[in-house]
């Protein structure tokens, strides 16, 4: 995992404009031995191609693919501009993270950083934080304990004919993820889950919760348990209120007699339904496309994709089926880049609204044409 050194953080900086700020960042990358002379030209050229502003006061200036040969070693330089720098289109950057990456390393780096920077409360702190505080914020050291729930904790089509199989699978995965300890596993396996109706069951434990998380397993074929149908089991571990949000969405599905959507969906679809990324009462359209861009969805193709999505009124989410499986708001460049999409990754687009089909058609055309980088 990328580590940010204190000497790479420059607080209280000032610049006359965006170009001045980028030149300062480039000079720091050069001085640190990350890039050779001339890389600044690539950074300025990149900004002409597409803005590197991510949102929440954050910009990530970096070079073009043509200047990648000038990168000597991967690294970043962080500049804090307390007064703000106009970054175009009514955008103001308070923190500029200059990136030098030799290959696709920057995608993992961006994913790590943007998960932290997407927290609006943290973005405000970045303006005035000290170097030590900035490092802690950017590296996630001040984040609350992670809430564990993604597609790695969702199993569909499990060959199970009894509840204990589903209980053991869920509890084992939560323990492997560091969410629960052995006492949780022992408790849930020995206790009877609660039937919520419509084939959905719930299991938890009062002890053994290390941090909050949710695991879901679904039988390939529903079976009976004491006269009630079993199709899916949801296991909850709670040390705070965050699992209640998932349970709230589950409750809404049940109240609206929409549990069948959970039974039919794949893992990414189950996750979306339980995190309200997909309106449980709306008819939605989905489509899957493979990214062929050589360097994945870095800033330029990411911006091109978001620009297409913003042309439509429909609500559109993007899920990296080869990543965490968590849906992202398609209108947020920061969240799209944070998906860590590399060449060959499959993206699922879920659109809900009056122009959903037109949006998916336009997205397919944009991806096929290379998102501003030419068809691969």
Protein backbone atom coordinates (compact mmCIF):
# COMPACT_ATOMS: atom_id res chain seq x y z
CA UNK A 1 0.00 0.00 0.00
CA UNK A 2 1.22 3.50 -0.83
CA UNK A 3 2.67 5.44 2.08
CA UNK A 4 2.79 9.23 2.25
CA UNK A 5 5.91 10.75 3.79
CA UNK A 6 5.80 14.00 5.75
CA UNK A 7 8.48 15.58 3.54
CA UNK A 8 6.09 15.22 0.58
CA UNK A 9 3.49 17.46 2.24
CA UNK A 10 3.71 21.23 1.81
CA UNK A 11 1.30 23.19 3.99
CA UNK A 12 0.40 26.87 3.85
CA UNK A 13 1.43 27.24 0.20
CA UNK A 14 0.25 30.06 -2.04
CA UNK A 15 0.02 30.44 -5.81
CA UNK A 16 -1.11 33.15 -8.19
CA UNK A 17 -3.18 30.77 -10.30
CA UNK A 18 -3.60 27.14 -11.34
CA UNK A 19 -0.56 27.13 -13.64
CA UNK A 20 1.61 28.51 -10.86
CA UNK A 21 0.30 25.83 -8.49
CA UNK A 22 1.01 23.06 -11.00
CA UNK A 23 4.53 24.35 -11.58
CA UNK A 24 5.17 24.27 -7.83
CA UNK A 25 3.93 20.71 -7.62
CA UNK A 26 6.03 19.66 -10.64
CA UNK A 27 9.13 21.26 -9.14
CA UNK A 28 8.61 19.30 -5.93
CA UNK A 29 8.21 16.02 -7.87
CA UNK A 30 11.43 16.80 -9.74
CA UNK A 31 13.33 17.70 -6.57
CA UNK A 32 12.18 14.48 -4.93
CA UNK A 33 13.53 12.42 -7.82
CA UNK A 34 10.12 11.22 -8.96
CA UNK A 35 10.30 12.81 -12.42
CA UNK A 36 12.82 14.24 -14.84
CA UNK A 37 12.89 17.80 -16.11
CA UNK A 38 10.10 18.45 -18.58
CA UNK A 39 7.41 16.51 -16.76
CA UNK A 40 5.79 19.84 -15.92
CA UNK A 41 4.92 20.25 -19.60
CA UNK A 42 2.95 17.03 -19.46
CA UNK A 43 1.12 18.20 -16.35
CA UNK A 44 0.15 21.47 -18.01
CA UNK A 45 -0.87 19.63 -21.18
CA UNK A 46 -3.04 17.25 -19.18
CA UNK A 47 -4.85 20.19 -17.64
CA UNK A 48 -5.56 21.52 -21.13
CA UNK A 49 -7.04 18.18 -22.14
CA UNK A 50 -9.29 17.83 -19.11
CA UNK A 51 -9.47 19.32 -15.64
CA UNK A 52 -7.88 17.25 -12.90
CA UNK A 53 -10.23 18.67 -10.28
CA UNK A 54 -11.92 15.81 -8.42
CA UNK A 55 -14.28 17.69 -6.15
CA UNK A 56 -14.42 18.60 -2.44
CA UNK A 57 -11.57 21.04 -2.96
CA UNK A 58 -9.18 18.39 -4.29
CA UNK A 59 -7.18 18.41 -7.54
CA UNK A 60 -4.78 15.71 -8.76
CA UNK A 61 -2.47 17.29 -11.36
CA UNK A 62 -0.45 14.69 -13.27
CA UNK A 63 1.23 14.21 -16.63
CA UNK A 64 0.02 12.80 -19.93
CA UNK A 65 0.76 9.29 -21.16
CA UNK A 66 3.26 10.87 -23.56
CA UNK A 67 5.38 12.05 -20.62
CA UNK A 68 5.20 8.81 -18.64
CA UNK A 69 8.77 7.99 -19.74
CA UNK A 70 9.88 10.99 -17.66
CA UNK A 71 8.64 9.31 -14.46
CA UNK A 72 11.62 7.91 -12.59
CA UNK A 73 9.75 6.43 -9.64
CA UNK A 74 6.16 6.53 -8.47
CA UNK A 75 5.35 9.14 -5.86
CA UNK A 76 3.24 12.12 -4.90
CA UNK A 77 3.69 15.63 -3.61
CA UNK A 78 0.86 17.26 -1.67
CA UNK A 79 0.37 21.03 -1.62
CA UNK A 80 -2.12 22.74 0.64
CA UNK A 81 -3.45 26.13 -0.53
CA UNK A 82 -5.51 27.54 2.40
CA UNK A 83 -6.79 30.47 0.34
CA UNK A 84 -7.88 28.25 -2.51
CA UNK A 85 -6.87 28.14 -6.17
CA UNK A 86 -9.38 28.70 -8.97
CA UNK A 87 -9.29 25.44 -10.93
CA UNK A 88 -11.87 26.44 -13.55
CA UNK A 89 -15.65 26.15 -13.92
CA UNK A 90 -16.31 27.65 -10.49
CA UNK A 91 -14.03 25.03 -8.92
CA UNK A 92 -11.70 25.86 -6.07
CA UNK A 93 -8.86 23.57 -5.03
CA UNK A 94 -7.48 23.71 -1.49
CA UNK A 95 -5.28 20.64 -1.83
CA UNK A 96 -3.36 19.60 -4.95
CA UNK A 97 -1.95 16.09 -5.03
CA UNK A 98 0.71 15.89 -7.73
CA UNK A 99 1.05 12.35 -9.05
CA UNK A 100 3.91 10.62 -10.85
CA UNK A 101 3.23 7.00 -11.81
CA UNK A 102 5.31 4.70 -14.02
CA UNK A 103 2.39 2.48 -15.09
CA UNK A 104 -1.03 1.69 -13.65
CA UNK A 105 0.24 2.17 -10.12
CA UNK A 106 -1.59 5.48 -9.92
CA UNK A 107 -4.98 3.76 -10.08
CA UNK A 108 -4.42 1.97 -6.78
CA UNK A 109 -2.95 5.14 -5.32
CA UNK A 110 -5.94 7.20 -6.44
CA UNK A 111 -8.34 4.60 -5.14
CA UNK A 112 -6.67 4.70 -1.75
CA UNK A 113 -6.67 8.49 -1.55
CA UNK A 114 -10.08 9.20 -3.03
CA UNK A 115 -11.87 6.90 -0.60
CA UNK A 116 -10.61 9.23 2.10
CA UNK A 117 -11.15 12.45 0.18
CA UNK A 118 -14.74 11.57 -0.71
CA UNK A 119 -15.69 12.23 2.91
CA UNK A 120 -17.03 15.80 2.89
CA UNK A 121 -16.21 16.34 6.55
CA UNK A 122 -12.57 15.45 5.93
CA UNK A 123 -12.32 17.74 2.91
CA UNK A 124 -13.05 20.77 5.11
CA UNK A 125 -10.28 19.76 7.49
CA UNK A 126 -7.73 19.54 4.69
CA UNK A 127 -7.72 23.32 4.22
CA UNK A 128 -6.09 24.12 7.55
CA UNK A 129 -4.58 20.82 8.75
CA UNK A 130 -0.93 20.57 9.76
CA UNK A 131 1.42 18.30 7.81
CA UNK A 132 0.96 15.55 10.40
CA UNK A 133 -2.81 15.94 10.34
CA UNK A 134 -2.85 15.98 6.53
CA UNK A 135 -0.87 12.77 6.40
CA UNK A 136 -3.21 11.10 8.89
CA UNK A 137 -6.29 12.29 6.99
CA UNK A 138 -5.01 11.28 3.55
CA UNK A 139 -3.84 7.87 4.74
CA UNK A 140 -7.11 7.22 6.53
CA UNK A 141 -5.55 7.03 9.98
CA UNK A 142 -8.27 9.24 11.44
CA UNK A 143 -11.13 7.40 9.84
CA UNK A 144 -13.58 5.54 11.95
CA UNK A 145 -13.27 1.76 11.90
CA UNK A 146 -14.23 0.56 8.45
CA UNK A 147 -17.73 -0.74 7.87
CA UNK A 148 -17.26 -4.05 6.12
CA UNK A 149 -19.82 -4.78 3.43
CA UNK A 150 -19.07 -5.38 -0.23
CA UNK A 151 -19.50 -8.13 -2.80
CA UNK A 152 -16.74 -10.22 -1.19
CA UNK A 153 -19.15 -10.68 1.72
CA UNK A 154 -22.07 -11.66 -0.50
CA UNK A 155 -22.44 -15.25 -1.71
CA UNK A 156 -25.11 -16.24 -4.20
CA UNK A 157 -26.07 -19.68 -5.48
CA UNK A 158 -24.75 -21.47 -2.39
CA UNK A 159 -25.30 -25.22 -2.43
CA UNK A 160 -27.12 -25.30 0.90
CA UNK A 161 -30.03 -27.34 2.17
CA UNK A 162 -30.00 -26.11 5.77
CA UNK A 163 -29.59 -22.84 7.65
CA UNK A 164 -26.43 -23.88 9.46
CA UNK A 165 -24.55 -23.99 6.14
CA UNK A 166 -25.51 -20.40 5.41
CA UNK A 167 -24.75 -19.37 9.01
CA UNK A 168 -21.31 -20.95 8.92
CA UNK A 169 -20.49 -19.36 5.56
CA UNK A 170 -21.49 -15.86 6.65
CA UNK A 171 -19.83 -16.09 10.06
CA UNK A 172 -16.65 -17.52 8.57
CA UNK A 173 -16.35 -14.72 6.04
CA UNK A 174 -16.95 -12.07 8.69
CA UNK A 175 -14.25 -13.64 10.85
CA UNK A 176 -11.81 -13.83 7.93
CA UNK A 177 -12.43 -10.12 7.30
CA UNK A 178 -11.59 -9.31 10.92
CA UNK A 179 -15.13 -8.17 11.65
CA UNK A 180 -15.92 -10.76 14.33
CA UNK A 181 -14.05 -13.19 16.57
CA UNK A 182 -14.53 -16.86 17.33
CA UNK A 183 -17.19 -16.24 19.97
CA UNK A 184 -19.43 -14.59 17.36
CA UNK A 185 -19.03 -17.60 15.08
CA UNK A 186 -19.90 -20.01 17.91
CA UNK A 187 -22.94 -17.96 18.96
CA UNK A 188 -24.55 -17.57 15.54
CA UNK A 189 -24.04 -21.20 14.59
CA UNK A 190 -25.68 -22.39 17.81
CA UNK A 191 -28.55 -19.85 17.77
CA UNK A 192 -31.64 -19.91 15.57
CA UNK A 193 -31.86 -17.08 12.99
CA UNK A 194 -34.94 -14.88 12.78
CA UNK A 195 -37.32 -15.24 9.85
CA UNK A 196 -38.20 -11.86 8.33
CA UNK A 197 -40.57 -13.36 5.80
CA UNK A 198 -40.44 -13.76 2.02
CA UNK A 199 -37.55 -16.21 2.39
CA UNK A 200 -35.22 -13.72 4.12
CA UNK A 201 -33.63 -14.59 7.49
CA UNK A 202 -31.49 -12.55 9.91
CA UNK A 203 -28.74 -13.62 12.30
CA UNK A 204 -26.55 -11.70 14.78
CA UNK A 205 -24.75 -12.04 18.09
CA UNK A 206 -24.50 -9.86 21.19
CA UNK A 207 -20.84 -10.82 21.62
CA UNK A 208 -17.79 -11.22 19.43
CA UNK A 209 -18.37 -8.07 17.37
CA UNK A 210 -14.98 -6.50 16.58
CA UNK A 211 -16.33 -3.89 14.17
CA UNK A 212 -19.47 -3.39 12.10
CA UNK A 213 -20.12 -5.48 9.04
CA UNK A 214 -22.72 -7.43 7.08
CA UNK A 215 -22.50 -10.75 5.25
CA UNK A 216 -25.14 -12.25 2.97
CA UNK A 217 -25.53 -15.77 1.61
CA UNK A 218 -28.26 -17.03 -0.71
CA UNK A 219 -29.16 -20.63 -1.38
CA UNK A 220 -29.02 -21.80 -4.99
CA UNK A 221 -32.41 -23.37 -4.40
CA UNK A 222 -34.73 -22.18 -1.57
CA UNK A 223 -35.50 -24.82 1.05
CA UNK A 224 -37.86 -25.23 4.00
CA UNK A 225 -36.97 -24.84 7.65
CA UNK A 226 -39.66 -25.71 10.18
CA UNK A 227 -42.36 -24.91 7.66
CA UNK A 228 -40.86 -21.60 6.42
CA UNK A 229 -38.99 -20.91 3.23
CA UNK A 230 -35.27 -20.07 3.39
CA UNK A 231 -33.76 -18.26 0.42
CA UNK A 232 -31.28 -15.81 1.93
CA UNK A 233 -29.53 -15.24 5.26
CA UNK A 234 -28.19 -11.86 6.38
CA UNK A 235 -25.62 -11.82 9.19
CA UNK A 236 -24.98 -8.57 11.05
CA UNK A 237 -22.08 -7.58 13.29
CA UNK A 238 -22.55 -4.22 15.00
CA UNK A 239 -20.30 -1.93 17.01
CA UNK A 240 -22.09 1.24 15.83
CA UNK A 241 -25.23 2.26 13.93
CA UNK A 242 -23.97 1.71 10.39
CA UNK A 243 -25.54 -1.74 9.92
CA UNK A 244 -28.92 -0.17 10.70
CA UNK A 245 -28.76 1.60 7.34
CA UNK A 246 -28.51 -1.73 5.51
CA UNK A 247 -31.30 -3.18 7.64
CA UNK A 248 -33.43 -0.13 6.86
CA UNK A 249 -33.16 -0.77 3.12
CA UNK A 250 -33.86 -4.45 3.68
CA UNK A 251 -36.94 -3.55 5.72
CA UNK A 252 -38.24 -1.30 2.95
CA UNK A 253 -37.86 -4.08 0.40
CA UNK A 254 -39.80 -6.45 2.62
CA UNK A 255 -42.55 -3.93 3.37
CA UNK A 256 -42.98 -3.35 -0.36
CA UNK A 257 -42.98 -7.10 -1.06
CA UNK A 258 -39.85 -6.64 -3.18
CA UNK A 259 -37.71 -9.34 -1.56
CA UNK A 260 -37.81 -11.26 -4.84
CA UNK A 261 -35.41 -8.68 -6.26
CA UNK A 262 -32.81 -9.83 -3.73
CA UNK A 263 -33.47 -13.43 -4.72
CA UNK A 264 -32.94 -12.75 -8.44
CA UNK A 265 -30.02 -10.29 -8.33
CA UNK A 266 -26.35 -11.17 -8.59
CA UNK A 267 -23.91 -10.13 -5.84
CA UNK A 268 -23.46 -6.60 -7.18
CA UNK A 269 -27.23 -6.24 -7.48
CA UNK A 270 -27.80 -7.45 -3.93
CA UNK A 271 -25.26 -4.93 -2.66
CA UNK A 272 -26.94 -2.11 -4.59
CA UNK A 273 -30.39 -3.01 -3.24
CA UNK A 274 -29.13 -3.10 0.34
CA UNK A 275 -27.35 0.23 0.11
CA UNK A 276 -30.22 2.11 -1.61
CA UNK A 277 -28.05 2.83 -4.66
CA UNK A 278 -30.97 1.42 -6.67
CA UNK A 279 -34.46 2.69 -5.90
CA UNK A 280 -36.31 -0.44 -4.77
CA UNK A 281 -39.56 0.78 -6.36
CA UNK A 282 -38.18 2.02 -9.64
CA UNK A 283 -37.89 0.05 -12.83
CA UNK A 284 -34.25 0.19 -13.78
CA UNK A 285 -32.15 -0.67 -16.80
CA UNK A 286 -28.68 -2.15 -16.59
CA UNK A 287 -25.87 -2.70 -19.06
CA UNK A 288 -22.33 -4.01 -18.77
CA UNK A 289 -19.36 -2.78 -20.77
CA UNK A 290 -15.66 -3.62 -20.69
CA UNK A 291 -13.08 -0.85 -20.43
CA UNK A 292 -10.42 -1.13 -23.14
CA UNK A 293 -8.40 1.98 -22.34
CA UNK A 294 -4.77 0.98 -21.91
CA UNK A 295 -4.44 2.68 -18.53
CA UNK A 296 -7.98 2.19 -17.29
CA UNK A 297 -10.18 4.99 -16.00
CA UNK A 298 -7.65 7.58 -14.97
CA UNK A 299 -8.62 11.26 -14.88
CA UNK A 300 -9.06 11.91 -18.61
CA UNK A 301 -11.31 8.98 -19.62
CA UNK A 302 -12.99 9.18 -16.23
CA UNK A 303 -13.90 12.79 -16.89
CA UNK A 304 -15.16 11.87 -20.37
CA UNK A 305 -17.40 9.17 -18.88
CA UNK A 306 -18.81 11.44 -16.18
CA UNK A 307 -19.43 14.17 -18.76
CA UNK A 308 -21.57 11.78 -20.82
CA UNK A 309 -23.54 10.69 -17.76
CA UNK A 310 -24.22 14.27 -16.71
CA UNK A 311 -26.02 14.91 -20.01
CA UNK A 312 -28.95 12.80 -18.83
CA UNK A 313 -31.54 13.21 -16.09
CA UNK A 314 -31.60 9.57 -15.02
CA UNK A 315 -29.94 8.39 -11.84
CA UNK A 316 -26.92 6.37 -12.93
CA UNK A 317 -24.58 4.27 -10.82
CA UNK A 318 -21.38 2.55 -11.90
CA UNK A 319 -20.18 -0.74 -10.44
CA UNK A 320 -16.77 -2.26 -11.09
CA UNK A 321 -17.62 -5.95 -11.30
CA UNK A 322 -13.92 -6.79 -11.13
CA UNK A 323 -13.38 -4.54 -8.12
CA UNK A 324 -15.15 -4.17 -4.79
CA UNK A 325 -18.60 -4.42 -6.36
CA UNK A 326 -19.69 -1.21 -4.66
CA UNK A 327 -21.83 1.10 -6.84
CA UNK A 328 -20.62 4.66 -7.31
CA UNK A 329 -22.52 7.77 -8.28
CA UNK A 330 -21.83 8.18 -11.99
CA UNK A 331 -21.92 11.97 -11.69
CA UNK A 332 -18.98 12.07 -9.27
CA UNK A 333 -15.55 11.97 -10.92
CA UNK A 334 -13.95 11.30 -7.55
CA UNK A 335 -16.10 8.24 -6.93
CA UNK A 336 -15.71 6.93 -10.48
CA UNK A 337 -11.92 7.21 -10.31
CA UNK A 338 -12.01 5.58 -6.87
CA UNK A 339 -13.43 2.43 -8.48
CA UNK A 340 -9.88 1.58 -9.54
CA UNK A 341 -10.88 0.53 -13.05
CA UNK A 342 -8.11 -1.06 -15.10
CA UNK A 343 -8.02 -2.28 -18.68
CA UNK A 344 -10.30 -5.29 -19.08
CA UNK A 345 -12.48 -4.51 -16.06
CA UNK A 346 -16.22 -4.90 -16.53
CA UNK A 347 -18.45 -2.01 -15.50
CA UNK A 348 -22.14 -2.31 -14.78
CA UNK A 349 -24.23 0.80 -15.35
CA UNK A 350 -27.61 1.00 -13.64
CA UNK A 351 -29.91 3.73 -14.91
CA UNK A 352 -33.28 4.77 -13.54
CA UNK A 353 -35.29 7.54 -15.16
CA UNK A 354 -37.11 8.73 -18.25
CA UNK A 355 -34.00 8.79 -20.43
CA UNK A 356 -32.32 5.68 -19.00
CA UNK A 357 -32.06 3.83 -22.32
CA UNK A 358 -30.66 6.86 -24.12
CA UNK A 359 -28.09 7.26 -21.36
CA UNK A 360 -26.92 3.64 -21.58
CA UNK A 361 -26.68 3.89 -25.38
CA UNK A 362 -24.55 7.05 -25.10
CA UNK A 363 -22.35 5.44 -22.45
CA UNK A 364 -21.77 2.40 -24.67
CA UNK A 365 -20.82 4.62 -27.61
CA UNK A 366 -18.42 6.65 -25.45
CA UNK A 367 -16.71 3.55 -24.06
CA UNK A 368 -16.49 1.91 -27.49
CA UNK A 369 -14.87 5.05 -28.90
CA UNK A 370 -12.26 5.07 -26.14
CA UNK A 371 -13.51 7.85 -23.87
CA UNK A 372 -11.43 10.50 -25.57
CA UNK A 373 -8.35 8.29 -26.00
CA UNK A 374 -9.35 6.48 -29.19
CA UNK A 375 -10.70 2.96 -29.57
CA UNK A 376 -8.34 0.24 -28.35
